[in-house]
Amino acid sequence: MRPEIVLFGDSITEQSFRSGGWGAALADTYSRKADVKVRGYGGYNTRWALFLMQHLFPLDSKKPPAAATIFFGANDAAILGRTSERQHVPVEEYKENLRKIVLHMKECSPTILIVLITPPPVDEDGRNEYARSLYGEDAREEPERMNEVTGVYAKKCIELAEEMGLRSINLWSKLQETEGWQKKFLSDGLHLTPEGNAVVHQEVVRVFGEAWFSAEEMPHDFPHHSDIDGKNPEKAFQQRCT
């Protein structure tokens, strides 16, 4: 009965239902109006995500999602020759992989609302501090991700959205508008703090609302309790459910 919103991405999406997470906040915003499904896969890049498409978004689905966020790039932007190079995807391939993901979703549902989200910025010092907290003296000396490089991937994400006529959120730029963003919005130089999650939630709600998927304008799935007559409850359900 309710439309579905699918959040598709890497660990930043997978963690979005933790306390203070943007996915949990989105589920609250759309409570009784749409079901929010999290499909986040920690460590995944767009190359690996392509293997999931037929499983997560089958073309013969009788109820495809009404809206979806696609939130990849933090792992694709890992730097070759450093500790996370296994996750690296060249930036042009990253863009084309995103295109393939979008095209598959649109084949699944031509009317689906798709929002592309760029990877967040990277606090390189924060990443190194996190590595030292885990590995001590054995920690890497160079960051495995760099903010400037991630910015190139963010630009390609926005380029694709413009080419395909999609909604997008430039999270890489948005977070850096705030002074002290490194520690305010990022917990380990890459993943989001509750404050960072709040920005993502705010931006997704804004973009959905600017499209045709405003929570405020959507009806509840069943009558509000104040509309139910205690002596004749059937009337309210007959009006709303028939």
C-alpha atoms as a PDB file:
ATOM      1  CA  MET A   1       0.000   0.000   0.000  1.00  0.00           C
ATOM      2  CA  ARG A   2       2.682   2.487   0.953  1.00  0.00           C
ATOM      3  CA  PRO A   3       5.222   3.540  -1.677  1.00  0.00           C
ATOM      4  CA  GLU A   4       8.809   2.480  -1.059  1.00  0.00           C
ATOM      5  CA  ILE A   5      11.949   4.581  -0.793  1.00  0.00           C
ATOM      6  CA  VAL A   6      15.181   2.627  -1.285  1.00  0.00           C
ATOM      7  CA  LEU A   7      18.488   3.976   0.013  1.00  0.00           C
ATOM      8  CA  PHE A   8      21.226   2.376  -2.096  1.00  0.00           C
ATOM      9  CA  GLY A   9      24.859   2.963  -1.283  1.00  0.00           C
ATOM     10  CA  ASP A  10      27.958   2.037   0.685  1.00  0.00           C
ATOM     11  CA  SER A  11      28.671   2.118   4.435  1.00  0.00           C
ATOM     12  CA  ILE A  12      27.399   5.691   4.788  1.00  0.00           C
ATOM     13  CA  THR A  13      24.024   4.320   3.735  1.00  0.00           C
ATOM     14  CA  GLU A  14      24.394   1.049   5.637  1.00  0.00           C
ATOM     15  CA  GLN A  15      24.999   3.004   8.852  1.00  0.00           C
ATOM     16  CA  SER A  16      22.115   5.385   8.221  1.00  0.00           C
ATOM     17  CA  PHE A  17      19.745   3.559  10.585  1.00  0.00           C
ATOM     18  CA  ARG A  18      22.069   3.851  13.552  1.00  0.00           C
ATOM     19  CA  SER A  19      21.201   6.300  16.312  1.00  0.00           C
ATOM     20  CA  GLY A  20      21.174   9.751  14.751  1.00  0.00           C
ATOM     21  CA  GLY A  21      21.346   8.322  11.227  1.00  0.00           C
ATOM     22  CA  TRP A  22      19.881  10.033   8.198  1.00  0.00           C
ATOM     23  CA  GLY A  23      17.965   6.929   7.065  1.00  0.00           C
ATOM     24  CA  ALA A  24      16.242   6.555  10.425  1.00  0.00           C
ATOM     25  CA  ALA A  25      15.323  10.239  10.356  1.00  0.00           C
ATOM     26  CA  LEU A  26      13.933   9.818   6.846  1.00  0.00           C
ATOM     27  CA  ALA A  27      11.820   6.856   7.982  1.00  0.00           C
ATOM     28  CA  ASP A  28      10.433   9.063  10.743  1.00  0.00           C
ATOM     29  CA  THR A  29       9.683  11.882   8.299  1.00  0.00           C
ATOM     30  CA  TYR A  30       7.739   9.482   6.062  1.00  0.00           C
ATOM     31  CA  SER A  31       6.151   7.509   8.895  1.00  0.00           C
ATOM     32  CA  ARG A  32       2.791   6.037   7.782  1.00  0.00           C
ATOM     33  CA  LYS A  33       3.348   7.529   4.329  1.00  0.00           C
ATOM     34  CA  ALA A  34       6.201   5.559   2.745  1.00  0.00           C
ATOM     35  CA  ASP A  35       8.423   2.647   3.734  1.00  0.00           C
ATOM     36  CA  VAL A  36      12.146   3.347   3.780  1.00  0.00           C
ATOM     37  CA  LYS A  37      14.365   0.374   2.872  1.00  0.00           C
ATOM     38  CA  VAL A  38      18.098   0.485   3.494  1.00  0.00           C
ATOM     39  CA  ARG A  39      20.302  -1.251   0.951  1.00  0.00           C
ATOM     40  CA  GLY A  40      23.740  -0.096   2.037  1.00  0.00           C
ATOM     41  CA  TYR A  41      26.861  -2.219   1.616  1.00  0.00           C
ATOM     42  CA  GLY A  42      29.941  -1.228   3.574  1.00  0.00           C
ATOM     43  CA  GLY A  43      33.128  -1.055   1.511  1.00  0.00           C
ATOM     44  CA  TYR A  44      31.348  -1.355  -1.834  1.00  0.00           C
ATOM     45  CA  ASN A  45      32.178   0.724  -4.868  1.00  0.00           C
ATOM     46  CA  THR A  46      30.046   1.239  -7.983  1.00  0.00           C
ATOM     47  CA  ARG A  47      31.761  -1.634  -9.809  1.00  0.00           C
ATOM     48  CA  TRP A  48      30.690  -4.121  -7.161  1.00  0.00           C
ATOM     49  CA  ALA A  49      27.269  -2.499  -6.797  1.00  0.00           C
ATOM     50  CA  LEU A  50      26.435  -3.443 -10.376  1.00  0.00           C
ATOM     51  CA  PHE A  51      26.413  -7.111  -9.369  1.00  0.00           C
ATOM     52  CA  LEU A  52      23.536  -6.378  -6.981  1.00  0.00           C
ATOM     53  CA  MET A  53      21.142  -4.703  -9.377  1.00  0.00           C
ATOM     54  CA  GLN A  54      19.210  -7.769 -10.592  1.00  0.00           C
ATOM     55  CA  HIS A  55      18.845  -8.981  -7.015  1.00  0.00           C
ATOM     56  CA  LEU A  56      17.794  -5.705  -5.401  1.00  0.00           C
ATOM     57  CA  PHE A  57      15.821  -4.244  -8.282  1.00  0.00           C
ATOM     58  CA  PRO A  58      14.387  -7.136 -10.328  1.00  0.00           C
ATOM     59  CA  LEU A  59      12.891  -6.018 -13.604  1.00  0.00           C
ATOM     60  CA  ASP A  60       9.786  -8.148 -13.058  1.00  0.00           C
ATOM     61  CA  SER A  61       8.998  -6.615  -9.669  1.00  0.00           C
ATOM     62  CA  LYS A  62       5.288  -6.022  -9.145  1.00  0.00           C
ATOM     63  CA  LYS A  63       6.041  -3.178  -6.733  1.00  0.00           C
ATOM     64  CA  PRO A  64       9.186  -1.272  -7.741  1.00  0.00           C
ATOM     65  CA  PRO A  65      10.344   1.572  -5.496  1.00  0.00           C
ATOM     66  CA  ALA A  66       8.778   4.982  -5.969  1.00  0.00           C
ATOM     67  CA  ALA A  67      11.967   6.811  -5.026  1.00  0.00           C
ATOM     68  CA  ALA A  68      15.625   5.993  -4.455  1.00  0.00           C
ATOM     69  CA  THR A  69      18.876   7.602  -3.385  1.00  0.00           C
ATOM     70  CA  ILE A  70      22.142   6.447  -4.970  1.00  0.00           C
ATOM     71  CA  PHE A  71      25.050   7.300  -2.692  1.00  0.00           C
ATOM     72  CA  PHE A  72      28.401   5.931  -3.877  1.00  0.00           C
ATOM     73  CA  GLY A  73      31.877   7.304  -4.458  1.00  0.00           C
ATOM     74  CA  ALA A  74      33.634   7.336  -1.106  1.00  0.00           C
ATOM     75  CA  ASN A  75      35.247   3.971  -1.887  1.00  0.00           C
ATOM     76  CA  ASP A  76      35.623   4.478  -5.637  1.00  0.00           C
ATOM     77  CA  ALA A  77      37.845   7.459  -4.804  1.00  0.00           C
ATOM     78  CA  ALA A  78      40.360   5.387  -2.808  1.00  0.00           C
ATOM     79  CA  ILE A  79      43.858   6.115  -4.099  1.00  0.00           C
ATOM     80  CA  LEU A  80      45.898   3.595  -6.064  1.00  0.00           C
ATOM     81  CA  GLY A  81      49.089   2.430  -4.401  1.00  0.00           C
ATOM     82  CA  ARG A  82      47.772   2.932  -0.878  1.00  0.00           C
ATOM     83  CA  THR A  83      46.038   0.745   1.661  1.00  0.00           C
ATOM     84  CA  SER A  84      42.520   0.854   0.184  1.00  0.00           C
ATOM     85  CA  GLU A  85      43.450   0.587  -3.504  1.00  0.00           C
ATOM     86  CA  ARG A  86      41.350  -2.604  -3.829  1.00  0.00           C
ATOM     87  CA  GLN A  87      38.272  -0.364  -3.736  1.00  0.00           C
ATOM     88  CA  HIS A  88      39.530   2.122  -6.326  1.00  0.00           C
ATOM     89  CA  VAL A  89      37.479   2.702  -9.481  1.00  0.00           C
ATOM     90  CA  PRO A  90      38.742   5.147 -12.145  1.00  0.00           C
ATOM     91  CA  VAL A  91      36.625   8.288 -12.172  1.00  0.00           C
ATOM     92  CA  GLU A  92      35.258   7.858 -15.711  1.00  0.00           C
ATOM     93  CA  GLU A  93      34.250   4.282 -14.937  1.00  0.00           C
ATOM     94  CA  TYR A  94      32.639   5.527 -11.729  1.00  0.00           C
ATOM     95  CA  LYS A  95      30.484   7.901 -13.764  1.00  0.00           C
ATOM     96  CA  GLU A  96      29.505   5.179 -16.239  1.00  0.00           C
ATOM     97  CA  ASN A  97      28.743   2.737 -13.441  1.00  0.00           C
ATOM     98  CA  LEU A  98      26.394   5.283 -11.914  1.00  0.00           C
ATOM     99  CA  ARG A  99      24.762   5.670 -15.312  1.00  0.00           C
ATOM    100  CA  LYS A 100      24.220   1.890 -15.526  1.00  0.00           C
ATOM    101  CA  ILE A 101      22.699   1.835 -12.052  1.00  0.00           C
ATOM    102  CA  VAL A 102      20.304   4.648 -12.969  1.00  0.00           C
ATOM    103  CA  LEU A 103      19.311   3.048 -16.280  1.00  0.00           C
ATOM    104  CA  HIS A 104      18.567  -0.260 -14.569  1.00  0.00           C
ATOM    105  CA  MET A 105      16.388   1.458 -11.970  1.00  0.00           C
ATOM    106  CA  LYS A 106      14.518   3.342 -14.673  1.00  0.00           C
ATOM    107  CA  GLU A 107      13.969   0.112 -16.580  1.00  0.00           C
ATOM    108  CA  CYS A 108      12.560  -1.326 -13.372  1.00  0.00           C
ATOM    109  CA  SER A 109      10.286   1.707 -12.972  1.00  0.00           C
ATOM    110  CA  PRO A 110      10.153   4.519 -15.561  1.00  0.00           C
ATOM    111  CA  THR A 111       8.507   6.864 -13.030  1.00  0.00           C
ATOM    112  CA  ILE A 112      10.976   6.339 -10.174  1.00  0.00           C
ATOM    113  CA  LEU A 113      12.373   9.467  -8.507  1.00  0.00           C
ATOM    114  CA  ILE A 114      16.160   9.089  -8.352  1.00  0.00           C
ATOM    115  CA  VAL A 115      18.456  11.326  -6.330  1.00  0.00           C
ATOM    116  CA  LEU A 116      22.222  11.054  -6.744  1.00  0.00           C
ATOM    117  CA  ILE A 117      24.304  11.967  -3.700  1.00  0.00           C
ATOM    118  CA  THR A 118      27.988  12.745  -4.053  1.00  0.00           C
ATOM    119  CA  PRO A 119      30.530  11.300  -1.638  1.00  0.00           C
ATOM    120  CA  PRO A 120      31.196  13.532   1.369  1.00  0.00           C
ATOM    121  CA  PRO A 121      34.476  15.412   1.720  1.00  0.00           C
ATOM    122  CA  VAL A 122      37.453  13.703   3.344  1.00  0.00           C
ATOM    123  CA  ASP A 123      39.294  14.956   6.414  1.00  0.00           C
ATOM    124  CA  GLU A 124      42.730  13.506   5.682  1.00  0.00           C
ATOM    125  CA  ASP A 125      44.097  14.267   9.145  1.00  0.00           C
ATOM    126  CA  GLY A 126      41.031  12.639  10.638  1.00  0.00           C
ATOM    127  CA  ARG A 127      41.585   9.511   8.562  1.00  0.00           C
ATOM    128  CA  ASN A 128      45.187   9.282   9.753  1.00  0.00           C
ATOM    129  CA  GLU A 129      44.163   9.841  13.373  1.00  0.00           C
ATOM    130  CA  TYR A 130      41.623   7.049  13.038  1.00  0.00           C
ATOM    131  CA  ALA A 131      44.244   4.711  11.563  1.00  0.00           C
ATOM    132  CA  ARG A 132      46.626   5.464  14.427  1.00  0.00           C
ATOM    133  CA  SER A 133      43.868   4.741  16.948  1.00  0.00           C
ATOM    134  CA  LEU A 134      43.495   1.281  15.399  1.00  0.00           C
ATOM    135  CA  TYR A 135      47.048   0.322  14.485  1.00  0.00           C
ATOM    136  CA  GLY A 136      49.330   2.573  16.515  1.00  0.00           C
ATOM    137  CA  GLU A 137      52.847   2.813  15.126  1.00  0.00           C
ATOM    138  CA  ASP A 138      51.947   0.401  12.329  1.00  0.00           C
ATOM    139  CA  ALA A 139      49.401   2.835  10.894  1.00  0.00           C
ATOM    140  CA  ARG A 140      49.881   4.122   7.367  1.00  0.00           C
ATOM    141  CA  GLU A 141      51.828   7.334   6.876  1.00  0.00           C
ATOM    142  CA  GLU A 142      49.810   8.589   3.907  1.00  0.00           C
ATOM    143  CA  PRO A 143      46.011   8.960   3.733  1.00  0.00           C
ATOM    144  CA  GLU A 144      44.290   6.344   1.594  1.00  0.00           C
ATOM    145  CA  ARG A 145      41.769   8.979   0.493  1.00  0.00           C
ATOM    146  CA  MET A 146      42.282  12.646  -0.329  1.00  0.00           C
ATOM    147  CA  ASN A 147      39.669  15.380  -0.311  1.00  0.00           C
ATOM    148  CA  GLU A 148      40.796  16.857  -3.605  1.00  0.00           C
ATOM    149  CA  VAL A 149      40.502  13.489  -5.347  1.00  0.00           C
ATOM    150  CA  THR A 150      37.082  12.808  -3.862  1.00  0.00           C
ATOM    151  CA  GLY A 151      36.007  16.205  -5.141  1.00  0.00           C
ATOM    152  CA  VAL A 152      36.717  15.040  -8.705  1.00  0.00           C
ATOM    153  CA  TYR A 153      34.360  12.096  -8.170  1.00  0.00           C
ATOM    154  CA  ALA A 154      31.729  14.402  -6.686  1.00  0.00           C
ATOM    155  CA  LYS A 155      31.952  16.589  -9.795  1.00  0.00           C
ATOM    156  CA  LYS A 156      31.401  13.568 -12.065  1.00  0.00           C
ATOM    157  CA  CYS A 157      28.364  12.560 -10.021  1.00  0.00           C
ATOM    158  CA  ILE A 158      26.813  15.998 -10.490  1.00  0.00           C
ATOM    159  CA  GLU A 159      27.721  15.973 -14.196  1.00  0.00           C
ATOM    160  CA  LEU A 160      25.848  12.708 -14.661  1.00  0.00           C
ATOM    161  CA  ALA A 161      22.801  14.010 -12.822  1.00  0.00           C
ATOM    162  CA  GLU A 162      22.698  17.019 -15.130  1.00  0.00           C
ATOM    163  CA  GLU A 163      23.154  14.870 -18.243  1.00  0.00           C
ATOM    164  CA  MET A 164      20.345  12.504 -17.249  1.00  0.00           C
ATOM    165  CA  GLY A 165      17.979  15.113 -15.832  1.00  0.00           C
ATOM    166  CA  LEU A 166      18.187  13.744 -12.293  1.00  0.00           C
ATOM    167  CA  ARG A 167      17.989  15.403  -8.902  1.00  0.00           C
ATOM    168  CA  SER A 168      21.261  15.515  -6.995  1.00  0.00           C
ATOM    169  CA  ILE A 169      22.849  16.555  -3.709  1.00  0.00           C
ATOM    170  CA  ASN A 170      26.413  17.863  -3.773  1.00  0.00           C
ATOM    171  CA  LEU A 171      27.296  16.716  -0.281  1.00  0.00           C
ATOM    172  CA  TRP A 172      31.019  17.229  -0.917  1.00  0.00           C
ATOM    173  CA  SER A 173      30.450  20.966  -1.357  1.00  0.00           C
ATOM    174  CA  LYS A 174      27.580  21.332   1.117  1.00  0.00           C
ATOM    175  CA  LEU A 175      29.480  20.069   4.157  1.00  0.00           C
ATOM    176  CA  GLN A 176      32.504  22.230   3.402  1.00  0.00           C
ATOM    177  CA  GLU A 177      30.398  25.389   3.578  1.00  0.00           C
ATOM    178  CA  THR A 178      30.538  25.138   7.385  1.00  0.00           C
ATOM    179  CA  GLU A 179      33.656  26.176   9.275  1.00  0.00           C
ATOM    180  CA  GLY A 180      35.174  23.260  11.176  1.00  0.00           C
ATOM    181  CA  TRP A 181      33.340  20.735   8.998  1.00  0.00           C
ATOM    182  CA  GLN A 182      36.123  18.184   9.457  1.00  0.00           C
ATOM    183  CA  LYS A 183      35.207  17.347  13.042  1.00  0.00           C
ATOM    184  CA  LYS A 184      31.635  18.653  13.084  1.00  0.00           C
ATOM    185  CA  PHE A 185      30.375  16.423  10.299  1.00  0.00           C
ATOM    186  CA  LEU A 186      32.859  13.512  10.083  1.00  0.00           C
ATOM    187  CA  SER A 187      33.533  10.977  12.833  1.00  0.00           C
ATOM    188  CA  ASP A 188      36.671   9.359  11.397  1.00  0.00           C
ATOM    189  CA  GLY A 189      37.515  11.618   8.504  1.00  0.00           C
ATOM    190  CA  LEU A 190      35.024   9.833   6.228  1.00  0.00           C
ATOM    191  CA  HIS A 191      31.845   8.611   7.940  1.00  0.00           C
ATOM    192  CA  LEU A 192      29.206  10.961   9.278  1.00  0.00           C
ATOM    193  CA  THR A 193      28.592  12.261  12.779  1.00  0.00           C
ATOM    194  CA  PRO A 194      24.984  12.816  13.904  1.00  0.00           C
ATOM    195  CA  GLU A 195      25.380  16.407  12.692  1.00  0.00           C
ATOM    196  CA  GLY A 196      26.569  15.184   9.298  1.00  0.00           C
ATOM    197  CA  ASN A 197      23.677  12.744   9.122  1.00  0.00           C
ATOM    198  CA  ALA A 198      21.301  15.612   9.894  1.00  0.00           C
ATOM    199  CA  VAL A 199      22.568  17.518   6.859  1.00  0.00           C
ATOM    200  CA  VAL A 200      21.985  14.512   4.586  1.00  0.00           C
ATOM    201  CA  HIS A 201      18.480  14.039   5.970  1.00  0.00           C
ATOM    202  CA  GLN A 202      17.691  17.724   5.496  1.00  0.00           C
ATOM    203  CA  GLU A 203      18.957  17.691   1.918  1.00  0.00           C
ATOM    204  CA  VAL A 204      17.113  14.501   0.933  1.00  0.00           C
ATOM    205  CA  VAL A 205      13.843  15.821   2.375  1.00  0.00           C
ATOM    206  CA  ARG A 206      14.390  19.112   0.530  1.00  0.00           C
ATOM    207  CA  VAL A 207      15.060  17.453  -2.817  1.00  0.00           C
ATOM    208  CA  PHE A 208      12.198  14.974  -2.456  1.00  0.00           C
ATOM    209  CA  GLY A 209       9.905  17.870  -1.582  1.00  0.00           C
ATOM    210  CA  GLU A 210      11.012  19.898  -4.598  1.00  0.00           C
ATOM    211  CA  ALA A 211      10.119  16.946  -6.772  1.00  0.00           C
ATOM    212  CA  TRP A 212       6.752  15.256  -6.277  1.00  0.00           C
ATOM    213  CA  PHE A 213       7.480  13.310  -3.117  1.00  0.00           C
ATOM    214  CA  SER A 214       6.826  15.731  -0.257  1.00  0.00           C
ATOM    215  CA  ALA A 215       5.963  13.949   2.987  1.00  0.00           C
ATOM    216  CA  GLU A 216       3.761  16.850   4.053  1.00  0.00           C
ATOM    217  CA  GLU A 217       1.574  16.428   0.978  1.00  0.00           C
ATOM    218  CA  MET A 218       1.227  12.653   1.209  1.00  0.00           C
ATOM    219  CA  PRO A 219      -1.765  11.062   2.958  1.00  0.00           C
ATOM    220  CA  HIS A 220      -1.491   8.710   5.912  1.00  0.00           C
ATOM    221  CA  ASP A 221      -2.097   5.084   4.976  1.00  0.00           C
ATOM    222  CA  PHE A 222      -5.075   4.675   7.351  1.00  0.00           C
ATOM    223  CA  PRO A 223      -7.377   7.082   9.200  1.00  0.00           C
ATOM    224  CA  HIS A 224      -5.911   9.265  11.934  1.00  0.00           C
ATOM    225  CA  HIS A 225      -7.157   8.144  15.319  1.00  0.00           C
ATOM    226  CA  SER A 226      -8.999  11.439  15.782  1.00  0.00           C
ATOM    227  CA  ASP A 227     -11.159  10.579  12.766  1.00  0.00           C
ATOM    228  CA  ILE A 228     -12.333   7.283  14.255  1.00  0.00           C
ATOM    229  CA  ASP A 229     -15.694   7.293  16.008  1.00  0.00           C
ATOM    230  CA  GLY A 230     -15.416   5.076  19.064  1.00  0.00           C
ATOM    231  CA  LYS A 231     -19.044   3.975  18.690  1.00  0.00           C
ATOM    232  CA  ASN A 232     -18.916   3.490  14.935  1.00  0.00           C
ATOM    233  CA  PRO A 233     -15.271   2.842  13.917  1.00  0.00           C
ATOM    234  CA  GLU A 234     -16.251   1.107  10.690  1.00  0.00           C
ATOM    235  CA  LYS A 235     -17.293   4.387   9.098  1.00  0.00           C
ATOM    236  CA  ALA A 236     -13.791   5.885   9.073  1.00  0.00           C
ATOM    237  CA  PHE A 237     -12.273   2.742   7.613  1.00  0.00           C
ATOM    238  CA  GLN A 238     -14.965   2.418   4.984  1.00  0.00           C
ATOM    239  CA  GLN A 239     -14.270   5.961   3.833  1.00  0.00           C
ATOM    240  CA  ARG A 240     -10.520   5.532   3.639  1.00  0.00           C
ATOM    241  CA  CYS A 241     -10.097   1.870   2.691  1.00  0.00           C
ATOM    242  CA  THR A 242     -12.712   1.253   0.035  1.00  0.00           C
END
